[in-house]
Amino acid sequence: MKLKFQWLGLSRAIHPAGNKHTANQSIVPLTGFKEVSIPLDMQVGPGCKPTVAKGDHVNIGDKIGEPLGPWSVPVHASVSGKVTKIEKQILSDGGKAEYVTIESDGKNTVSEALAPPVVTDKESFLKAVRDAGLVGLGGAAFPTHIKLNPPPDKNVDTLIVNAAECEPYITTDHRIALDYADDVIYGALVTAHWCGIDTVIIGTEDNKKDAARSLEEAVKRAKEGECNAFWPKNGVTAKVLPTSYPTGAEKVLIALLTDRVVPEGGLPADVGVIVQNITTLCVLAQNLKTGMPLVKKAITLDGGAVKKPGNYEVPIGAPIRDVIECAGGTVSEPAKIIMGGPMMGVAVDDITRPILKNNNAILIFDEKEAKLPKESACISCGRCLRACPMRLQPMKLDKAARAINPNELEELHVMNCIECGSCTYVCPAKRYLVQNIRNGKAYVRAEAQAAKENAKKGDSN
């Protein structure tokens, strides 16, 4: 009999070195890119079809990708110039998508068609969110207009503003909280207002007390100013949490801030909560004010091989190689480049890969930082079990994944893994736990898909 998974919501945590080297560096725009190559699939769900052709001239903000379905969001030009190529290329996750390559004319001309959207109700608000091309900018890339529109029976009453940023190295959310706090709070208030949400909670870790103060001051300004018209029934509360990892993980943050537990296979809306990353809310606010869609991304550039670590704003589609060069280059030969943080990021196999909507960091490690320890046999110490915030059994999941046993993986609730990497981090045997568990989830999905296709064949017969 399959046991019912029970997660108590009591977060287990680890404490990796923060390495927040760039926290005191404001976000600096990088310009001068000769070319960008923009994938038309940068989200959970289907991508887009191109709306431009080779030889077309585009300006910043022009739509270049039309959504293929209700879960899709449009893609826009991040530089002005000439479309030189439209072709399928490999994505960083191994899939394929159409890429639109634009040769910059160096003028950075903004589209004359851009204007602040007219928002009068929830429907027009969600349309504005979708038209802006917004996805979750904390890394998940979940379409924002879908997240903000759960089924009515979910009774969502709380919006959580995720300012935890618990992943080592990354500091862009920190800088957004310091430099664009008013936009963050405006974005949160209008979201709560149009989505009928009564309570807003801001969650920050205590290693970012300056960010917490900045957001609290922005809340006060909003209540005393024009934003008072959007004030939620139960107000806005800022909470500072002890620094640990993975505090910023959606399910963990919900449990810490509300004592609500997202059920197995469920979503935050199932417990009346929507979580939004602060950068997502900031971009939303700026779009509502100016009409500019999501065309640029703030990233942290760091690592031992980087000459000038910092926080930079770059056009979506800019090649990682060119971003590194525009920021000052390297001081040593890069041994590994990671898209994202060291715990949940993805190693980049090609330095010409583009910056995506949901990128929040590029880490360039030197040989010493990049060296992976060799695996040894599991010693059954239980450290991975004690570190798992989801109360799973990583050592058993690892064994089942290596044996390619989808049935056992399901019984061990593999799909509840949030892939935070805590198990791998604490393992004294240096087992590649999260990597294999991720493979295990893929085996379960493939098994489910095969069963679905077989059922269809049976019905047709």
Protein backbone atom coordinates (compact mmCIF):
# COMPACT_ATOMS: atom_id res chain seq x y z
CA MET A 1 0.00 0.00 0.00
CA LYS A 2 1.31 3.43 -0.91
CA LEU A 3 1.77 5.59 2.16
CA LYS A 4 0.36 9.10 2.23
CA PHE A 5 3.12 11.65 2.26
CA GLN A 6 3.03 13.97 5.26
CA TRP A 7 5.19 17.05 5.49
CA LEU A 8 4.94 18.80 8.84
CA GLY A 9 6.06 22.14 7.46
CA LEU A 10 8.85 22.36 10.02
CA SER A 11 11.72 23.57 7.90
CA ARG A 12 15.05 21.81 8.12
CA ALA A 13 17.89 23.98 6.98
CA ILE A 14 21.59 24.11 6.19
CA HIS A 15 23.97 27.03 6.36
CA PRO A 16 26.32 27.21 3.37
CA ALA A 17 28.66 30.17 3.11
CA GLY A 18 26.67 33.11 1.77
CA ASN A 19 29.44 34.55 -0.42
CA LYS A 20 27.33 37.67 -0.95
CA HIS A 21 30.34 39.55 -2.32
CA THR A 22 28.30 41.91 -4.48
CA ALA A 23 25.59 42.94 -1.99
CA ASN A 24 26.96 46.50 -1.78
CA GLN A 25 27.10 46.98 -5.55
CA SER A 26 24.12 48.61 -7.24
CA ILE A 27 22.82 47.21 -10.52
CA VAL A 28 24.79 48.70 -13.43
CA PRO A 29 23.47 48.57 -17.02
CA LEU A 30 25.75 46.87 -19.56
CA THR A 31 25.49 48.09 -23.16
CA GLY A 32 27.31 47.72 -26.43
CA PHE A 33 26.18 44.23 -27.33
CA LYS A 34 26.57 43.66 -31.06
CA GLU A 35 24.05 40.85 -31.21
CA VAL A 36 21.43 39.10 -29.12
CA SER A 37 19.86 35.70 -29.72
CA ILE A 38 16.51 35.43 -27.97
CA PRO A 39 14.84 32.03 -27.40
CA LEU A 40 11.08 32.04 -27.92
CA ASP A 41 10.65 29.54 -25.09
CA MET A 42 11.79 30.81 -21.68
CA GLN A 43 9.06 29.58 -19.37
CA VAL A 44 7.14 26.67 -17.93
CA GLY A 45 4.66 25.67 -20.65
CA PRO A 46 4.65 26.14 -24.43
CA GLY A 47 6.78 28.79 -26.08
CA CYS A 48 6.04 31.22 -28.89
CA LYS A 49 5.99 31.37 -32.66
CA PRO A 50 8.01 34.13 -34.34
CA THR A 51 6.15 37.25 -35.44
CA VAL A 52 9.14 38.64 -37.34
CA ALA A 53 11.10 37.51 -40.38
CA LYS A 54 14.72 37.66 -41.42
CA GLY A 55 15.54 41.21 -42.54
CA ASP A 56 12.89 42.91 -40.36
CA HIS A 57 13.86 45.92 -38.29
CA VAL A 58 12.78 45.88 -34.65
CA ASN A 59 12.93 48.31 -31.75
CA ILE A 60 13.22 47.62 -28.04
CA GLY A 61 9.90 46.33 -26.77
CA ASP A 62 8.55 45.15 -30.13
CA LYS A 63 6.89 41.75 -29.94
CA ILE A 64 8.95 39.06 -31.70
CA GLY A 65 7.18 35.98 -30.32
CA GLU A 66 3.43 35.28 -30.21
CA PRO A 67 2.19 32.90 -27.45
CA LEU A 68 1.27 29.41 -28.62
CA GLY A 69 -1.27 28.77 -25.88
CA PRO A 70 -2.94 30.24 -22.78
CA TRP A 71 0.06 29.32 -20.61
CA SER A 72 2.51 31.07 -22.91
CA VAL A 73 3.66 34.69 -22.71
CA PRO A 74 5.02 36.88 -25.52
CA VAL A 75 8.70 37.58 -26.12
CA HIS A 76 10.01 41.05 -27.03
CA ALA A 77 13.09 42.52 -28.67
CA SER A 78 15.73 43.61 -26.15
CA VAL A 79 17.78 45.73 -28.59
CA SER A 80 16.95 47.70 -31.71
CA GLY A 81 18.32 46.47 -35.00
CA LYS A 82 17.91 43.94 -37.79
CA VAL A 83 16.66 40.37 -37.51
CA THR A 84 19.44 38.31 -39.08
CA LYS A 85 18.41 34.77 -38.27
CA ILE A 86 15.49 32.66 -37.05
CA GLU A 87 16.35 29.04 -36.36
CA LYS A 88 15.94 26.24 -33.87
CA GLN A 89 18.70 25.87 -31.33
CA ILE A 90 19.30 23.90 -28.15
CA LEU A 91 18.17 25.40 -24.84
CA SER A 92 20.22 25.19 -21.66
CA ASP A 93 17.93 22.37 -20.42
CA GLY A 94 18.59 20.29 -23.52
CA GLY A 95 15.31 21.06 -25.27
CA LYS A 96 14.95 22.99 -28.51
CA ALA A 97 13.28 26.30 -29.36
CA GLU A 98 13.16 28.91 -32.07
CA TYR A 99 15.77 31.63 -31.57
CA VAL A 100 15.46 35.12 -33.02
CA THR A 101 18.87 36.70 -33.61
CA ILE A 102 19.01 40.50 -33.78
CA GLU A 103 22.03 42.49 -34.94
CA SER A 104 22.06 45.66 -32.86
CA ASP A 105 22.16 49.03 -34.62
CA GLY A 106 23.64 50.57 -31.46
CA LYS A 107 20.83 53.12 -31.18
CA ASN A 108 18.73 51.41 -28.48
CA THR A 109 15.58 52.84 -30.05
CA VAL A 110 12.46 52.14 -27.99
CA SER A 111 9.26 51.08 -29.76
CA GLU A 112 6.83 53.93 -30.33
CA ALA A 113 3.96 51.51 -29.72
CA LEU A 114 4.74 51.19 -26.02
CA ALA A 115 2.34 52.82 -23.57
CA PRO A 116 1.22 52.09 -19.99
CA PRO A 117 -1.56 49.49 -20.06
CA VAL A 118 -5.07 50.52 -19.07
CA VAL A 119 -6.09 48.49 -16.02
CA THR A 120 -9.65 48.71 -14.73
CA ASP A 121 -10.34 45.23 -13.33
CA LYS A 122 -8.74 41.84 -12.69
CA GLU A 123 -9.15 40.72 -16.30
CA SER A 124 -7.36 43.76 -17.72
CA PHE A 125 -4.71 43.49 -15.00
CA LEU A 126 -3.94 39.86 -15.89
CA LYS A 127 -3.85 40.79 -19.57
CA ALA A 128 -1.30 43.52 -18.80
CA VAL A 129 0.80 41.03 -16.83
CA ARG A 130 0.76 38.56 -19.70
CA ASP A 131 1.40 41.17 -22.40
CA ALA A 132 4.49 42.25 -20.44
CA GLY A 133 5.97 38.78 -20.98
CA LEU A 134 6.28 38.20 -17.24
CA VAL A 135 7.38 34.91 -15.73
CA GLY A 136 8.72 34.17 -12.27
CA LEU A 137 12.08 35.93 -12.10
CA GLY A 138 13.35 34.12 -9.04
CA GLY A 139 14.33 31.22 -11.28
CA ALA A 140 11.16 29.14 -11.77
CA ALA A 141 9.92 30.93 -14.93
CA PHE A 142 6.29 30.05 -14.13
CA PRO A 143 3.93 32.29 -16.17
CA THR A 144 2.93 35.11 -13.81
CA HIS A 145 -0.56 35.64 -15.22
CA ILE A 146 -1.36 31.96 -14.54
CA LYS A 147 -0.03 32.09 -10.98
CA LEU A 148 -2.11 35.20 -10.26
CA ASN A 149 -5.31 33.58 -11.50
CA PRO A 150 -5.93 30.38 -9.52
CA PRO A 151 -9.38 28.74 -9.59
CA PRO A 152 -11.97 30.69 -7.53
CA ASP A 153 -12.44 27.80 -5.10
CA LYS A 154 -8.85 28.21 -3.84
CA ASN A 155 -9.83 31.25 -1.75
CA VAL A 156 -6.43 32.95 -1.92
CA ASP A 157 -6.12 35.50 0.88
CA THR A 158 -2.36 36.04 1.20
CA LEU A 159 0.36 37.39 -1.10
CA ILE A 160 3.92 36.60 -0.01
CA VAL A 161 6.66 38.83 -1.37
CA ASN A 162 9.75 36.62 -1.57
CA ALA A 163 12.82 38.67 -0.70
CA ALA A 164 14.71 35.83 1.01
CA GLU A 165 17.31 35.19 -1.74
CA CYS A 166 18.90 32.34 0.20
CA GLU A 167 21.05 30.96 -2.65
CA PRO A 168 24.77 31.75 -2.16
CA TYR A 169 26.42 34.47 -4.28
CA ILE A 170 23.20 35.93 -5.76
CA THR A 171 22.40 39.50 -4.66
CA THR A 172 20.15 40.98 -7.35
CA ASP A 173 16.99 40.72 -5.24
CA HIS A 174 18.89 42.38 -2.40
CA ARG A 175 19.77 45.29 -4.66
CA ILE A 176 16.21 45.51 -6.00
CA ALA A 177 15.02 45.85 -2.39
CA LEU A 178 17.52 48.64 -1.75
CA ASP A 179 17.31 50.55 -5.03
CA TYR A 180 13.74 49.91 -6.23
CA ALA A 181 11.77 49.32 -3.04
CA ASP A 182 8.96 51.69 -4.05
CA ASP A 183 8.39 49.76 -7.28
CA VAL A 184 8.37 46.44 -5.38
CA ILE A 185 5.73 47.66 -2.95
CA TYR A 186 3.66 49.26 -5.71
CA GLY A 187 3.76 45.98 -7.64
CA ALA A 188 2.70 44.05 -4.53
CA LEU A 189 -0.15 46.43 -3.70
CA VAL A 190 -1.68 46.52 -7.18
CA THR A 191 -1.38 42.75 -7.42
CA ALA A 192 -3.18 42.27 -4.11
CA HIS A 193 -5.81 44.87 -5.09
CA TRP A 194 -6.76 43.46 -8.49
CA CYS A 195 -6.51 39.84 -7.33
CA GLY A 196 -8.72 40.46 -4.29
CA ILE A 197 -6.05 39.53 -1.73
CA ASP A 198 -6.44 40.89 1.82
CA THR A 199 -2.99 40.21 3.32
CA VAL A 200 0.54 40.96 2.08
CA ILE A 201 3.59 39.51 3.85
CA ILE A 202 7.17 40.37 2.93
CA GLY A 203 9.75 37.72 3.85
CA THR A 204 13.43 38.64 4.17
CA GLU A 205 16.40 36.89 5.79
CA ASP A 206 18.28 38.59 8.63
CA ASN A 207 21.50 38.83 6.63
CA LYS A 208 19.70 41.53 4.59
CA LYS A 209 18.51 43.85 7.37
CA ASP A 210 19.19 46.89 5.19
CA ALA A 211 16.89 45.42 2.53
CA ALA A 212 14.20 44.77 5.15
CA ARG A 213 14.44 48.37 6.37
CA SER A 214 14.27 49.68 2.81
CA LEU A 215 11.10 47.70 2.10
CA GLU A 216 9.51 48.73 5.41
CA GLU A 217 10.17 52.41 4.63
CA ALA A 218 8.65 51.93 1.17
CA VAL A 219 5.56 50.43 2.80
CA LYS A 220 5.18 53.54 4.97
CA ARG A 221 5.58 55.84 1.95
CA ALA A 222 3.00 53.84 0.02
CA LYS A 223 0.43 54.05 2.81
CA GLU A 224 0.88 57.79 3.11
CA GLY A 225 0.81 58.39 -0.66
CA GLU A 226 -1.32 57.57 -3.68
CA CYS A 227 -0.87 53.82 -3.17
CA ASN A 228 -3.13 54.04 -0.12
CA ALA A 229 -6.02 53.45 -2.55
CA PHE A 230 -4.67 49.92 -3.10
CA TRP A 231 -4.13 49.16 0.58
CA PRO A 232 -5.14 45.57 1.46
CA LYS A 233 -7.71 44.92 4.18
CA ASN A 234 -5.21 43.29 6.57
CA GLY A 235 -2.30 45.53 5.62
CA VAL A 236 1.31 44.76 4.76
CA THR A 237 3.60 42.96 7.20
CA ALA A 238 7.37 42.64 6.87
CA LYS A 239 8.94 39.62 8.59
CA VAL A 240 12.65 38.93 8.99
CA LEU A 241 13.60 35.25 9.15
CA PRO A 242 16.83 33.64 10.39
CA THR A 243 19.32 33.17 7.58
CA SER A 244 19.34 29.60 6.34
CA TYR A 245 18.95 27.58 3.16
CA PRO A 246 16.48 26.96 1.46
CA THR A 247 14.33 29.62 3.15
CA GLY A 248 13.45 31.15 -0.23
CA ALA A 249 11.96 27.92 -1.57
CA GLU A 250 8.26 28.55 -2.07
CA LYS A 251 6.86 25.77 0.13
CA VAL A 252 9.39 26.39 2.88
CA LEU A 253 8.74 30.14 2.91
CA ILE A 254 4.98 29.60 3.11
CA ALA A 255 5.40 27.30 6.10
CA LEU A 256 7.72 29.73 7.88
CA LEU A 257 5.56 32.81 7.33
CA THR A 258 2.04 31.40 7.62
CA ASP A 259 2.29 27.93 9.24
CA ARG A 260 0.39 26.60 6.23
CA VAL A 261 1.57 23.40 4.57
CA VAL A 262 1.23 22.90 0.82
CA PRO A 263 -0.11 19.35 0.27
CA GLU A 264 1.67 16.70 -1.76
CA GLY A 265 1.31 17.47 -5.44
CA GLY A 266 -0.34 20.76 -4.56
CA LEU A 267 0.36 24.42 -5.22
CA PRO A 268 0.53 27.41 -2.85
CA ALA A 269 -2.97 28.43 -3.95
CA ASP A 270 -4.23 25.20 -2.33
CA VAL A 271 -3.48 26.80 1.04
CA GLY A 272 -4.67 30.27 0.04
CA VAL A 273 -1.28 31.74 -0.84
CA ILE A 274 0.42 33.26 -3.87
CA VAL A 275 4.19 33.83 -3.75
CA GLN A 276 5.87 36.44 -5.94
CA ASN A 277 9.57 37.19 -6.22
CA ILE A 278 10.39 40.86 -5.56
CA THR A 279 12.07 41.35 -8.95
CA THR A 280 8.93 40.05 -10.68
CA LEU A 281 6.86 42.63 -8.77
CA CYS A 282 9.38 45.37 -9.56
CA VAL A 283 9.27 44.69 -13.32
CA LEU A 284 5.47 44.50 -13.15
CA ALA A 285 5.29 47.92 -11.50
CA GLN A 286 7.62 49.46 -14.07
CA ASN A 287 5.55 47.98 -16.90
CA LEU A 288 2.34 49.42 -15.48
CA LYS A 289 3.99 52.83 -15.31
CA THR A 290 5.81 52.86 -18.66
CA GLY A 291 4.50 50.02 -20.82
CA MET A 292 8.00 48.53 -21.17
CA PRO A 293 7.79 44.71 -21.23
CA LEU A 294 10.37 42.33 -19.83
CA VAL A 295 13.39 42.88 -22.10
CA LYS A 296 16.28 43.16 -19.63
CA LYS A 297 17.41 41.13 -16.65
CA ALA A 298 19.43 41.97 -13.57
CA ILE A 299 22.06 39.30 -12.87
CA THR A 300 24.84 38.77 -10.37
CA LEU A 301 28.18 38.08 -12.03
CA ASP A 302 30.61 36.46 -9.59
CA GLY A 303 33.13 33.69 -9.05
CA GLY A 304 36.88 33.37 -8.67
CA ALA A 305 37.57 33.78 -12.39
CA VAL A 306 35.63 37.07 -12.72
CA LYS A 307 37.62 40.30 -12.96
CA LYS A 308 34.80 42.63 -11.86
CA PRO A 309 32.12 40.85 -9.85
CA GLY A 310 28.94 42.88 -9.62
CA ASN A 311 25.25 43.21 -10.36
CA TYR A 312 24.51 44.05 -13.97
CA GLU A 313 21.43 44.74 -16.09
CA VAL A 314 21.76 43.05 -19.46
CA PRO A 315 19.51 42.56 -22.51
CA ILE A 316 17.70 39.23 -22.60
CA GLY A 317 19.38 37.15 -25.30
CA ALA A 318 22.86 38.60 -24.74
CA PRO A 319 25.49 35.83 -25.05
CA ILE A 320 27.08 34.91 -21.72
CA ARG A 321 30.50 35.29 -23.35
CA ASP A 322 29.75 38.91 -24.27
CA VAL A 323 28.29 39.68 -20.84
CA ILE A 324 31.53 38.54 -19.24
CA GLU A 325 33.60 40.63 -21.64
CA CYS A 326 31.43 43.74 -21.23
CA ALA A 327 31.80 43.44 -17.46
CA GLY A 328 35.60 43.37 -17.66
CA GLY A 329 36.46 39.80 -18.59
CA THR A 330 38.19 37.19 -16.47
CA VAL A 331 41.40 36.96 -14.43
CA SER A 332 41.92 33.26 -15.07
CA GLU A 333 40.65 30.53 -17.37
CA PRO A 334 37.06 29.63 -16.36
CA ALA A 335 36.78 26.00 -15.31
CA LYS A 336 33.01 26.01 -14.90
CA ILE A 337 30.22 28.46 -15.68
CA ILE A 338 26.93 28.13 -13.81
CA MET A 339 23.64 29.71 -14.82
CA GLY A 340 22.05 30.49 -11.43
CA GLY A 341 23.46 29.75 -7.98
CA PRO A 342 25.81 26.95 -6.86
CA MET A 343 23.01 25.00 -5.13
CA MET A 344 20.33 24.91 -7.83
CA GLY A 345 22.01 26.36 -10.89
CA VAL A 346 22.82 24.59 -14.15
CA ALA A 347 26.33 24.21 -15.58
CA VAL A 348 26.58 25.87 -18.99
CA ASP A 349 28.02 23.73 -21.76
CA ASP A 350 28.42 26.57 -24.24
CA ILE A 351 29.56 30.08 -23.36
CA THR A 352 27.55 31.52 -26.27
CA ARG A 353 24.28 30.53 -24.56
CA PRO A 354 22.01 33.57 -24.04
CA ILE A 355 20.78 35.27 -20.88
CA LEU A 356 17.20 34.13 -20.23
CA LYS A 357 14.24 35.81 -18.55
CA ASN A 358 14.67 33.77 -15.38
CA ASN A 359 18.48 34.03 -15.09
CA ASN A 360 19.51 35.71 -11.85
CA ALA A 361 23.21 34.90 -11.83
CA ILE A 362 26.17 33.78 -13.91
CA LEU A 363 28.96 32.29 -11.81
CA ILE A 364 32.37 31.81 -13.38
CA PHE A 365 34.45 29.48 -11.23
CA ASP A 366 38.18 28.95 -11.45
CA GLU A 367 39.76 25.52 -11.34
CA LYS A 368 39.85 25.32 -7.55
CA GLU A 369 36.19 26.31 -7.11
CA ALA A 370 34.99 24.05 -9.92
CA LYS A 371 36.68 20.85 -8.79
CA LEU A 372 34.14 18.17 -7.89
CA PRO A 373 35.02 15.63 -5.20
CA LYS A 374 34.82 11.97 -6.11
CA GLU A 375 31.87 9.93 -4.94
CA SER A 376 32.33 7.16 -2.42
CA ALA A 377 29.92 4.60 -0.98
CA CYS A 378 26.99 5.75 1.14
CA ILE A 379 27.77 5.25 4.85
CA SER A 380 24.11 5.48 5.93
CA CYS A 381 24.83 8.39 8.25
CA GLY A 382 21.42 10.00 7.73
CA ARG A 383 22.73 13.54 7.25
CA CYS A 384 20.88 13.94 3.95
CA LEU A 385 17.64 12.85 5.62
CA ARG A 386 18.10 15.39 8.42
CA ALA A 387 18.90 18.16 5.94
CA CYS A 388 15.94 17.61 3.59
CA PRO A 389 13.38 20.40 4.09
CA MET A 390 10.68 18.20 2.52
CA ARG A 391 11.21 15.27 4.93
CA LEU A 392 12.21 12.91 2.13
CA GLN A 393 14.79 10.10 2.15
CA PRO A 394 17.45 11.24 -0.34
CA MET A 395 19.66 8.17 0.09
CA LYS A 396 16.80 5.84 -0.88
CA LEU A 397 15.73 8.11 -3.72
CA ASP A 398 19.30 8.13 -5.02
CA LYS A 399 19.45 4.33 -4.97
CA ALA A 400 16.09 3.98 -6.74
CA ALA A 401 17.09 6.55 -9.38
CA ARG A 402 20.36 4.78 -10.13
CA ALA A 403 18.39 1.54 -10.50
CA ILE A 404 15.88 3.34 -12.77
CA ASN A 405 12.96 2.16 -10.63
CA PRO A 406 10.03 4.54 -11.25
CA ASN A 407 7.64 2.60 -9.01
CA GLU A 408 9.91 2.83 -5.98
CA LEU A 409 10.64 6.48 -6.75
CA GLU A 410 6.93 7.22 -6.67
CA GLU A 411 6.50 5.36 -3.39
CA LEU A 412 9.30 7.50 -1.96
CA HIS A 413 7.48 10.67 -3.17
CA VAL A 414 10.26 11.78 -5.51
CA MET A 415 8.05 14.45 -7.09
CA ASN A 416 7.97 16.31 -3.76
CA CYS A 417 11.71 16.99 -4.04
CA ILE A 418 12.34 20.72 -4.61
CA GLU A 419 15.87 20.02 -5.90
CA CYS A 420 17.43 22.42 -3.40
CA GLY A 421 20.67 20.42 -3.20
CA SER A 422 20.82 20.36 0.61
CA CYS A 423 21.32 16.58 0.62
CA THR A 424 24.30 16.75 -1.72
CA TYR A 425 25.81 19.61 0.25
CA VAL A 426 25.87 17.73 3.58
CA CYS A 427 26.80 14.27 2.24
CA PRO A 428 30.21 13.20 3.63
CA ALA A 429 30.49 10.58 0.88
CA LYS A 430 30.00 13.32 -1.73
CA ARG A 431 27.20 11.38 -3.41
CA TYR A 432 25.61 13.11 -6.39
CA LEU A 433 22.23 12.92 -4.70
CA VAL A 434 20.24 15.79 -6.16
CA GLN A 435 21.53 15.10 -9.67
CA ASN A 436 20.30 11.51 -9.51
CA ILE A 437 17.02 12.46 -7.85
CA ARG A 438 16.43 14.92 -10.68
CA ASN A 439 16.99 12.04 -13.10
CA GLY A 440 14.56 9.99 -11.04
CA LYS A 441 11.83 12.60 -11.48
CA ALA A 442 12.41 12.44 -15.23
CA TYR A 443 11.99 8.62 -15.13
CA VAL A 444 8.66 8.99 -13.29
CA ARG A 445 7.41 11.57 -15.79
CA ALA A 446 8.46 9.37 -18.71
CA GLU A 447 6.68 6.37 -17.15
CA ALA A 448 3.50 8.41 -16.66
CA GLN A 449 3.65 9.67 -20.24
CA ALA A 450 4.15 6.16 -21.59
CA ALA A 451 1.18 4.91 -19.58
CA LYS A 452 -0.95 7.75 -20.91
CA GLU A 453 -0.02 6.96 -24.51
CA ASN A 454 -0.68 3.24 -24.01
CA ALA A 455 -4.10 4.05 -22.56
CA LYS A 456 -4.91 6.13 -25.63
CA LYS A 457 -3.88 3.28 -27.90
CA GLY A 458 -6.09 0.92 -25.92
CA ASP A 459 -9.06 3.25 -26.25
CA SER A 460 -8.56 3.57 -30.00
CA ASN A 461 -8.54 -0.21 -30.37
